[in-house]
Amino acid sequence: MAKKSAVERNKKRVRMARQSAGRRARLKAAAVDQLLSAEDRFAARLKLAEMPRNSAPVRQRNRCQLSGRPRGFYRKFRLSRIALRELASQGLIPGMVKSSW
């Protein structure tokens, strides 16, 4: 089980990224728009740099929904490998069976 503080910190980052996504996209578009003057593009880059770092989606960490584990993460299930195996063994994931050959 991951530390509760790490899980909560990541949830905060997800919330901040969702809230500032529109403004961040507008500033990024303005920063690379060749039709704007160099001063306007530079000003957009400065405003983008003033935004909180945790509002950037790249700072989010994929974590297991059950345990909060950050490694061995399956995006399709949003679970770690350990939690996925436990749920599959219990038959709680439709269509997933233990392989044998």
N, C-alpha and C. Protein backbone atom coordinates (compact mmCIF):
# COMPACT_ATOMS: atom_id res chain seq x y z
N MET A 1 0.84 -1.17 0.00
CA MET A 1 0.00 0.00 0.00
C MET A 1 0.89 1.24 0.00
N ALA A 2 0.60 2.15 -0.90
CA ALA A 2 1.40 3.37 -1.00
C ALA A 2 1.05 4.33 0.15
N LYS A 3 1.96 5.24 0.42
CA LYS A 3 1.69 6.22 1.45
C LYS A 3 0.49 7.06 1.05
N LYS A 4 -0.34 7.35 2.01
CA LYS A 4 -1.55 8.11 1.72
C LYS A 4 -1.20 9.51 1.20
N SER A 5 -0.12 10.07 1.71
CA SER A 5 0.27 11.42 1.28
C SER A 5 0.66 11.43 -0.20
N ALA A 6 1.31 10.37 -0.67
CA ALA A 6 1.70 10.30 -2.08
C ALA A 6 0.48 10.17 -2.98
N VAL A 7 -0.49 9.37 -2.54
CA VAL A 7 -1.71 9.20 -3.32
C VAL A 7 -2.49 10.51 -3.37
N GLU A 8 -2.61 11.19 -2.23
CA GLU A 8 -3.34 12.46 -2.18
C GLU A 8 -2.64 13.54 -2.99
N ARG A 9 -1.31 13.55 -2.96
CA ARG A 9 -0.55 14.52 -3.75
C ARG A 9 -0.82 14.33 -5.23
N ASN A 10 -0.89 13.06 -5.65
CA ASN A 10 -1.16 12.78 -7.05
C ASN A 10 -2.58 13.18 -7.42
N LYS A 11 -3.54 12.94 -6.53
CA LYS A 11 -4.92 13.35 -6.79
C LYS A 11 -5.02 14.87 -6.94
N LYS A 12 -4.25 15.58 -6.12
CA LYS A 12 -4.22 17.05 -6.21
C LYS A 12 -3.67 17.49 -7.56
N ARG A 13 -2.63 16.80 -8.03
CA ARG A 13 -2.05 17.13 -9.34
C ARG A 13 -3.05 16.88 -10.46
N VAL A 14 -3.81 15.79 -10.35
CA VAL A 14 -4.82 15.48 -11.37
C VAL A 14 -5.88 16.58 -11.40
N ARG A 15 -6.33 16.98 -10.21
CA ARG A 15 -7.34 18.05 -10.11
C ARG A 15 -6.84 19.35 -10.70
N MET A 16 -5.61 19.73 -10.34
CA MET A 16 -5.04 20.98 -10.83
C MET A 16 -4.87 20.95 -12.35
N ALA A 17 -4.44 19.83 -12.88
CA ALA A 17 -4.23 19.72 -14.33
C ALA A 17 -5.56 19.85 -15.07
N ARG A 18 -6.61 19.24 -14.51
CA ARG A 18 -7.93 19.31 -15.14
C ARG A 18 -8.46 20.74 -15.12
N GLN A 19 -8.25 21.45 -14.02
CA GLN A 19 -8.75 22.82 -13.90
C GLN A 19 -8.03 23.78 -14.84
N SER A 20 -6.73 23.60 -14.99
CA SER A 20 -5.96 24.57 -15.77
C SER A 20 -5.69 24.12 -17.20
N ALA A 21 -6.32 23.05 -17.64
CA ALA A 21 -6.04 22.52 -18.99
C ALA A 21 -6.36 23.52 -20.09
N GLY A 22 -7.50 24.20 -19.97
CA GLY A 22 -7.89 25.15 -21.00
C GLY A 22 -6.94 26.33 -21.11
N ARG A 23 -6.62 26.93 -19.97
CA ARG A 23 -5.73 28.09 -19.96
C ARG A 23 -4.34 27.68 -20.46
N ARG A 24 -3.86 26.53 -20.00
CA ARG A 24 -2.54 26.05 -20.42
C ARG A 24 -2.50 25.81 -21.93
N ALA A 25 -3.58 25.25 -22.50
CA ALA A 25 -3.62 24.99 -23.94
C ALA A 25 -3.62 26.30 -24.73
N ARG A 26 -4.38 27.29 -24.24
CA ARG A 26 -4.39 28.59 -24.93
C ARG A 26 -3.02 29.25 -24.91
N LEU A 27 -2.35 29.21 -23.76
CA LEU A 27 -1.03 29.83 -23.66
C LEU A 27 0.00 29.09 -24.52
N LYS A 28 -0.08 27.77 -24.56
CA LYS A 28 0.84 27.01 -25.40
C LYS A 28 0.63 27.33 -26.87
N ALA A 29 -0.65 27.43 -27.27
CA ALA A 29 -0.95 27.76 -28.67
C ALA A 29 -0.43 29.14 -29.02
N ALA A 30 -0.58 30.10 -28.10
CA ALA A 30 -0.10 31.46 -28.35
C ALA A 30 1.43 31.49 -28.39
N ALA A 31 2.08 30.66 -27.61
CA ALA A 31 3.53 30.67 -27.54
C ALA A 31 4.18 30.18 -28.84
N VAL A 32 3.48 29.36 -29.60
CA VAL A 32 4.06 28.84 -30.84
C VAL A 32 3.41 29.42 -32.09
N ASP A 33 2.47 30.32 -31.93
CA ASP A 33 1.76 30.92 -33.07
C ASP A 33 2.66 31.93 -33.78
N GLN A 34 3.06 31.62 -35.00
CA GLN A 34 3.97 32.49 -35.75
C GLN A 34 3.31 33.78 -36.21
N LEU A 35 1.98 33.83 -36.18
CA LEU A 35 1.27 35.05 -36.60
C LEU A 35 1.35 36.14 -35.54
N LEU A 36 1.61 35.80 -34.31
CA LEU A 36 1.75 36.78 -33.24
C LEU A 36 3.15 37.37 -33.24
N SER A 37 3.28 38.52 -32.62
CA SER A 37 4.60 39.15 -32.53
C SER A 37 5.46 38.38 -31.54
N ALA A 38 6.74 38.59 -31.62
CA ALA A 38 7.68 37.90 -30.74
C ALA A 38 7.43 38.27 -29.29
N GLU A 39 7.04 39.55 -29.05
CA GLU A 39 6.77 39.98 -27.68
C GLU A 39 5.55 39.27 -27.10
N ASP A 40 4.51 39.08 -27.92
CA ASP A 40 3.30 38.40 -27.45
C ASP A 40 3.59 36.93 -27.15
N ARG A 41 4.37 36.30 -28.02
CA ARG A 41 4.73 34.90 -27.79
C ARG A 41 5.56 34.75 -26.52
N PHE A 42 6.48 35.68 -26.32
CA PHE A 42 7.32 35.65 -25.11
C PHE A 42 6.48 35.86 -23.86
N ALA A 43 5.52 36.79 -23.96
CA ALA A 43 4.63 37.04 -22.82
C ALA A 43 3.79 35.80 -22.49
N ALA A 44 3.37 35.08 -23.52
CA ALA A 44 2.60 33.85 -23.29
C ALA A 44 3.47 32.80 -22.61
N ARG A 45 4.74 32.73 -23.00
CA ARG A 45 5.65 31.78 -22.35
C ARG A 45 5.90 32.15 -20.89
N LEU A 46 5.98 33.44 -20.62
CA LEU A 46 6.17 33.89 -19.23
C LEU A 46 4.95 33.54 -18.38
N LYS A 47 3.75 33.77 -18.92
CA LYS A 47 2.53 33.43 -18.18
C LYS A 47 2.44 31.92 -17.95
N LEU A 48 2.86 31.15 -18.94
CA LEU A 48 2.86 29.70 -18.81
C LEU A 48 3.85 29.26 -17.71
N ALA A 49 4.98 29.94 -17.64
CA ALA A 49 5.98 29.61 -16.62
C ALA A 49 5.51 30.01 -15.23
N GLU A 50 4.63 31.01 -15.13
CA GLU A 50 4.11 31.45 -13.83
C GLU A 50 3.07 30.50 -13.26
N MET A 51 2.49 29.66 -14.11
CA MET A 51 1.48 28.73 -13.63
C MET A 51 2.13 27.71 -12.68
N PRO A 52 1.36 27.15 -11.75
CA PRO A 52 1.93 26.16 -10.84
C PRO A 52 2.45 24.94 -11.60
N ARG A 53 3.57 24.42 -11.17
CA ARG A 53 4.16 23.26 -11.85
C ARG A 53 3.26 22.04 -11.76
N ASN A 54 2.57 21.91 -10.63
CA ASN A 54 1.71 20.73 -10.45
C ASN A 54 0.47 20.77 -11.33
N SER A 55 0.25 21.86 -12.05
CA SER A 55 -0.89 21.91 -12.95
C SER A 55 -0.56 21.34 -14.33
N ALA A 56 0.69 20.90 -14.51
CA ALA A 56 1.10 20.29 -15.78
C ALA A 56 0.76 18.80 -15.74
N PRO A 57 0.10 18.29 -16.79
CA PRO A 57 -0.28 16.88 -16.79
C PRO A 57 0.91 15.92 -16.76
N VAL A 58 2.07 16.37 -17.17
CA VAL A 58 3.23 15.50 -17.21
C VAL A 58 3.71 15.14 -15.80
N ARG A 59 3.27 15.87 -14.80
CA ARG A 59 3.70 15.60 -13.42
C ARG A 59 2.84 14.56 -12.71
N GLN A 60 1.79 14.10 -13.39
CA GLN A 60 0.93 13.08 -12.80
C GLN A 60 1.60 11.72 -12.89
N ARG A 61 1.32 10.88 -11.91
CA ARG A 61 1.89 9.54 -11.87
C ARG A 61 0.75 8.54 -11.99
N ASN A 62 0.91 7.54 -12.85
CA ASN A 62 -0.08 6.48 -12.94
C ASN A 62 0.00 5.63 -11.69
N ARG A 63 -1.11 5.49 -11.00
CA ARG A 63 -1.14 4.72 -9.76
C ARG A 63 -2.31 3.76 -9.78
N CYS A 64 -2.14 2.62 -9.10
CA CYS A 64 -3.19 1.61 -8.97
C CYS A 64 -4.37 2.21 -8.21
N GLN A 65 -5.58 1.94 -8.68
CA GLN A 65 -6.77 2.46 -8.03
C GLN A 65 -7.02 1.80 -6.68
N LEU A 66 -6.56 0.58 -6.50
CA LEU A 66 -6.79 -0.13 -5.24
C LEU A 66 -5.70 0.13 -4.21
N SER A 67 -4.45 -0.02 -4.63
CA SER A 67 -3.36 0.04 -3.66
C SER A 67 -2.56 1.32 -3.72
N GLY A 68 -2.63 2.06 -4.82
CA GLY A 68 -1.83 3.27 -4.97
C GLY A 68 -0.42 2.99 -5.45
N ARG A 69 -0.13 1.73 -5.76
CA ARG A 69 1.21 1.35 -6.20
C ARG A 69 1.55 2.03 -7.53
N PRO A 70 2.73 2.69 -7.64
CA PRO A 70 3.06 3.41 -8.86
C PRO A 70 3.76 2.57 -9.93
N ARG A 71 4.25 1.39 -9.57
CA ARG A 71 5.00 0.59 -10.54
C ARG A 71 4.19 -0.64 -10.94
N GLY A 72 4.52 -1.19 -12.09
CA GLY A 72 3.82 -2.38 -12.57
C GLY A 72 2.37 -2.06 -12.85
N PHE A 73 2.11 -0.93 -13.50
CA PHE A 73 0.77 -0.40 -13.71
C PHE A 73 0.25 -0.77 -15.09
N TYR A 74 -0.96 -1.32 -15.15
CA TYR A 74 -1.62 -1.63 -16.43
C TYR A 74 -2.63 -0.54 -16.71
N ARG A 75 -2.41 0.24 -17.77
CA ARG A 75 -3.30 1.34 -18.09
C ARG A 75 -4.72 0.88 -18.41
N LYS A 76 -4.83 -0.24 -19.11
CA LYS A 76 -6.14 -0.72 -19.53
C LYS A 76 -7.06 -0.97 -18.34
N PHE A 77 -6.49 -1.46 -17.25
CA PHE A 77 -7.28 -1.80 -16.07
C PHE A 77 -7.15 -0.77 -14.95
N ARG A 78 -6.17 0.13 -15.07
CA ARG A 78 -5.86 1.12 -14.04
C ARG A 78 -5.54 0.43 -12.71
N LEU A 79 -4.84 -0.71 -12.81
CA LEU A 79 -4.45 -1.50 -11.64
C LEU A 79 -2.98 -1.88 -11.74
N SER A 80 -2.40 -2.17 -10.59
CA SER A 80 -1.03 -2.68 -10.59
C SER A 80 -1.06 -4.17 -10.93
N ARG A 81 0.08 -4.72 -11.24
CA ARG A 81 0.15 -6.13 -11.62
C ARG A 81 -0.30 -7.03 -10.47
N ILE A 82 -0.02 -6.63 -9.26
CA ILE A 82 -0.36 -7.45 -8.09
C ILE A 82 -1.88 -7.46 -7.88
N ALA A 83 -2.48 -6.26 -7.91
CA ALA A 83 -3.93 -6.17 -7.72
C ALA A 83 -4.67 -6.86 -8.87
N LEU A 84 -4.13 -6.72 -10.09
CA LEU A 84 -4.75 -7.37 -11.25
C LEU A 84 -4.74 -8.88 -11.09
N ARG A 85 -3.63 -9.42 -10.63
CA ARG A 85 -3.54 -10.86 -10.47
C ARG A 85 -4.50 -11.37 -9.39
N GLU A 86 -4.61 -10.64 -8.29
CA GLU A 86 -5.52 -11.04 -7.22
C GLU A 86 -6.97 -11.04 -7.69
N LEU A 87 -7.36 -9.97 -8.40
CA LEU A 87 -8.74 -9.89 -8.88
C LEU A 87 -9.02 -10.95 -9.94
N ALA A 88 -8.03 -11.22 -10.79
CA ALA A 88 -8.22 -12.24 -11.82
C ALA A 88 -8.33 -13.63 -11.19
N SER A 89 -7.55 -13.89 -10.14
CA SER A 89 -7.62 -15.19 -9.47
C SER A 89 -8.97 -15.40 -8.80
N GLN A 90 -9.58 -14.31 -8.36
CA GLN A 90 -10.89 -14.40 -7.73
C GLN A 90 -12.02 -14.45 -8.76
N GLY A 91 -11.67 -14.27 -10.03
CA GLY A 91 -12.67 -14.31 -11.09
C GLY A 91 -13.47 -13.03 -11.21
N LEU A 92 -12.93 -11.91 -10.77
CA LEU A 92 -13.66 -10.65 -10.78
C LEU A 92 -13.42 -9.82 -12.04
N ILE A 93 -12.53 -10.30 -12.92
CA ILE A 93 -12.28 -9.60 -14.18
C ILE A 93 -12.81 -10.48 -15.29
N PRO A 94 -13.87 -10.04 -15.97
CA PRO A 94 -14.49 -10.87 -17.00
C PRO A 94 -13.52 -11.18 -18.15
N GLY A 95 -13.50 -12.43 -18.56
CA GLY A 95 -12.70 -12.85 -19.70
C GLY A 95 -11.25 -13.14 -19.40
N MET A 96 -10.81 -12.85 -18.20
CA MET A 96 -9.40 -13.10 -17.86
C MET A 96 -9.29 -14.46 -17.16
N VAL A 97 -8.45 -15.30 -17.72
CA VAL A 97 -8.24 -16.62 -17.15
C VAL A 97 -6.76 -16.85 -16.95
N LYS A 98 -6.43 -17.71 -16.04
CA LYS A 98 -5.05 -18.06 -15.79
C LYS A 98 -4.52 -18.88 -16.96
N SER A 99 -3.35 -18.53 -17.46
CA SER A 99 -2.85 -19.22 -18.63
C SER A 99 -2.06 -20.46 -18.22
N SER A 100 -2.08 -21.45 -19.08
CA SER A 100 -1.27 -22.64 -18.88
C SER A 100 -0.92 -23.21 -20.25
N TRP A 101 0.25 -23.80 -20.36
CA TRP A 101 0.66 -24.39 -21.64
C TRP A 101 1.58 -25.56 -21.44
